[in-house]
């Protein structure tokens, strides 16, 4: 089955703390001063809605997002649901069937928060550094989560980001997993 797991883009949508909000700016209006089209532009921060963290986001010599091969982002994924956890740790993952899993997605209470129209919540469910290292050991290609960040909000050293990105694992944040 194929699912669209991207968060709907709209004005007022949740954005990561400190990022600019999504805005649609009308640049041309059909018929105004003879204009033949309606046209607009979108303005938003890179951590707005569903997004991929480029390796350059946390790694000095990391690549930019366009260097990620499309086939990394498209294909079968294994979804795991953690509805009652505040974080996902190594112990949560050790008993999961990850054999052959290239793409791993985590649904948490964050999805229900988005479905209810919630704003950014700094107490979102996140992946710990030890859990990230475990996924590196399992050689997954992509890790996705339904929060706007994969790391505990305000963590000073970003161990999950560094473990995954240094291993070449693509991070997708802000997944909309309500209907999955």
Protein backbone atom coordinates (compact mmCIF):
# COMPACT_ATOMS: atom_id res chain seq x y z
CA UNK A 1 0.00 0.00 0.00
CA UNK A 2 1.20 3.53 -0.74
CA UNK A 3 0.72 6.33 1.80
CA UNK A 4 1.37 10.05 1.61
CA UNK A 5 3.01 10.71 4.97
CA UNK A 6 3.70 14.39 4.42
CA UNK A 7 2.19 16.99 6.71
CA UNK A 8 -0.31 19.25 4.90
CA UNK A 9 1.23 22.65 4.22
CA UNK A 10 -0.99 25.51 5.34
CA UNK A 11 -0.83 28.88 7.00
CA UNK A 12 -0.75 28.41 10.75
CA UNK A 13 0.83 24.96 10.52
CA UNK A 14 3.23 23.98 13.30
CA UNK A 15 6.89 24.88 12.78
CA UNK A 16 9.96 24.08 14.85
CA UNK A 17 10.72 26.71 17.50
CA UNK A 18 12.70 29.62 16.07
CA UNK A 19 11.79 28.88 12.44
CA UNK A 20 9.71 31.30 10.39
CA UNK A 21 6.08 30.33 9.82
CA UNK A 22 4.71 29.19 6.49
CA UNK A 23 3.33 32.05 4.40
CA UNK A 24 1.78 32.19 0.97
CA UNK A 25 2.55 35.55 -0.63
CA UNK A 26 0.47 36.56 -3.64
CA UNK A 27 2.77 38.06 -6.26
CA UNK A 28 0.47 38.36 -9.30
CA UNK A 29 -3.31 38.72 -9.57
CA UNK A 30 -5.15 37.67 -12.71
CA UNK A 31 -6.65 40.71 -14.43
CA UNK A 32 -4.96 43.28 -12.19
CA UNK A 33 -3.14 45.77 -14.42
CA UNK A 34 -3.56 43.35 -17.33
CA UNK A 35 -1.79 40.48 -15.55
CA UNK A 36 -2.53 37.17 -17.34
CA UNK A 37 -2.03 34.86 -14.30
CA UNK A 38 -2.49 34.30 -10.60
CA UNK A 39 0.83 33.51 -8.97
CA UNK A 40 2.25 33.27 -5.48
CA UNK A 41 5.37 32.24 -3.65
CA UNK A 42 5.80 30.25 -0.48
CA UNK A 43 8.01 31.37 2.36
CA UNK A 44 8.95 29.01 5.17
CA UNK A 45 11.85 27.71 7.18
CA UNK A 46 13.56 24.44 6.33
CA UNK A 47 12.02 22.83 9.44
CA UNK A 48 8.43 23.45 8.51
CA UNK A 49 6.20 20.42 8.03
CA UNK A 50 7.60 17.17 6.68
CA UNK A 51 11.24 17.66 5.78
CA UNK A 52 14.54 15.90 5.26
CA UNK A 53 17.53 16.85 7.37
CA UNK A 54 20.46 17.32 5.03
CA UNK A 55 23.75 15.99 6.40
CA UNK A 56 25.04 19.59 6.22
CA UNK A 57 22.45 20.51 8.87
CA UNK A 58 24.72 19.01 11.57
CA UNK A 59 27.91 17.89 9.83
CA UNK A 60 30.48 20.50 8.78
CA UNK A 61 31.37 18.70 5.56
CA UNK A 62 27.95 17.11 5.06
CA UNK A 63 26.13 17.16 1.76
CA UNK A 64 23.06 19.20 0.94
CA UNK A 65 19.62 17.65 0.57
CA UNK A 66 19.70 17.41 -3.22
CA UNK A 67 22.58 14.93 -2.94
CA UNK A 68 20.27 12.38 -1.29
CA UNK A 69 19.29 9.82 -3.95
CA UNK A 70 15.50 9.79 -4.54
CA UNK A 71 15.42 6.00 -4.11
CA UNK A 72 16.46 6.52 -0.49
CA UNK A 73 13.19 8.34 0.13
CA UNK A 74 10.87 6.09 -1.87
CA UNK A 75 10.11 2.47 -1.14
CA UNK A 76 8.84 0.05 1.47
CA UNK A 77 9.13 1.18 5.06
CA UNK A 78 8.57 -0.50 8.39
CA UNK A 79 6.31 1.49 10.73
CA UNK A 80 6.52 1.13 14.50
CA UNK A 81 3.99 2.68 16.86
CA UNK A 82 5.00 3.98 20.29
CA UNK A 83 1.81 5.66 21.56
CA UNK A 84 2.76 5.93 25.23
CA UNK A 85 6.47 6.76 25.16
CA UNK A 86 8.12 10.12 25.88
CA UNK A 87 11.21 9.01 23.98
CA UNK A 88 12.30 6.03 21.90
CA UNK A 89 15.39 4.39 23.38
CA UNK A 90 17.59 1.47 22.41
CA UNK A 91 15.62 -0.87 24.67
CA UNK A 92 12.44 -0.01 22.77
CA UNK A 93 14.05 -1.10 19.51
CA UNK A 94 15.97 -4.22 20.52
CA UNK A 95 12.97 -6.55 20.30
CA UNK A 96 11.57 -5.15 17.06
CA UNK A 97 11.82 -7.07 13.81
CA UNK A 98 14.23 -4.88 11.87
CA UNK A 99 15.67 -7.65 9.71
CA UNK A 100 15.82 -6.37 6.14
CA UNK A 101 14.28 -3.00 7.06
CA UNK A 102 15.81 -0.20 4.99
CA UNK A 103 13.38 2.52 6.02
CA UNK A 104 12.07 2.77 9.58
CA UNK A 105 9.27 5.14 10.58
CA UNK A 106 8.13 5.94 14.11
CA UNK A 107 4.58 6.93 14.93
CA UNK A 108 4.10 8.39 18.40
CA UNK A 109 1.62 10.56 20.25
CA UNK A 110 2.99 13.39 18.09
CA UNK A 111 0.72 12.25 15.23
CA UNK A 112 -2.38 12.64 17.38
CA UNK A 113 -1.14 16.08 18.43
CA UNK A 114 -0.88 17.16 14.76
CA UNK A 115 -4.29 15.66 13.93
CA UNK A 116 -5.84 17.76 16.71
CA UNK A 117 -4.33 20.91 15.18
CA UNK A 118 -1.67 21.27 17.86
CA UNK A 119 1.09 23.86 17.76
CA UNK A 120 4.78 23.10 18.23
CA UNK A 121 5.32 21.30 21.53
CA UNK A 122 8.89 21.19 22.89
CA UNK A 123 7.97 18.00 24.77
CA UNK A 124 7.62 15.99 21.56
CA UNK A 125 8.59 12.31 21.45
CA UNK A 126 12.15 11.89 20.18
CA UNK A 127 14.80 9.28 19.40
CA UNK A 128 17.69 8.96 21.86
CA UNK A 129 21.31 8.83 20.77
CA UNK A 130 21.55 5.18 21.87
CA UNK A 131 18.51 4.30 19.77
CA UNK A 132 20.10 6.07 16.80
CA UNK A 133 23.31 4.05 17.28
CA UNK A 134 21.24 0.87 17.34
CA UNK A 135 19.66 1.80 14.00
CA UNK A 136 23.14 2.48 12.59
CA UNK A 137 24.16 -1.04 13.68
CA UNK A 138 21.10 -2.41 11.86
CA UNK A 139 22.19 -0.59 8.68
CA UNK A 140 18.90 1.13 7.90
CA UNK A 141 18.97 3.78 5.13
CA UNK A 142 16.29 6.11 6.44
CA UNK A 143 14.76 6.96 9.81
CA UNK A 144 11.56 8.98 9.98
CA UNK A 145 9.57 10.31 12.92
CA UNK A 146 6.35 12.24 13.39
CA UNK A 147 7.96 15.11 15.31
CA UNK A 148 9.51 18.23 13.84
CA UNK A 149 12.84 17.13 15.30
CA UNK A 150 14.34 13.70 15.88
CA UNK A 151 16.34 14.90 18.89
CA UNK A 152 15.20 15.89 22.37
CA UNK A 153 14.35 19.58 22.20
CA UNK A 154 17.30 21.67 23.33
CA UNK A 155 19.78 18.77 23.57
CA UNK A 156 23.20 20.45 23.51
CA UNK A 157 25.18 17.77 21.62
CA UNK A 158 22.62 16.24 19.21
CA UNK A 159 23.75 12.60 19.49
CA UNK A 160 20.89 11.13 17.41
CA UNK A 161 21.50 13.51 14.51
CA UNK A 162 25.24 12.93 14.55
CA UNK A 163 25.00 9.14 14.82
CA UNK A 164 22.56 8.87 11.92
CA UNK A 165 24.00 11.51 9.61
CA UNK A 166 27.62 10.40 10.08
CA UNK A 167 26.52 6.88 9.11
CA UNK A 168 24.85 8.18 5.93
CA UNK A 169 21.33 7.54 7.22
CA UNK A 170 18.70 9.95 5.95
CA UNK A 171 16.50 11.62 8.58
CA UNK A 172 12.91 12.60 7.77
CA UNK A 173 11.10 14.68 10.38
CA UNK A 174 7.55 15.95 10.66
CA UNK A 175 5.89 12.86 9.20
CA UNK A 176 2.09 12.86 9.23
CA UNK A 177 1.28 9.31 10.28
CA UNK A 178 -2.29 9.83 11.48
CA UNK A 179 -3.86 7.51 8.89
CA UNK A 180 -1.08 4.93 8.75
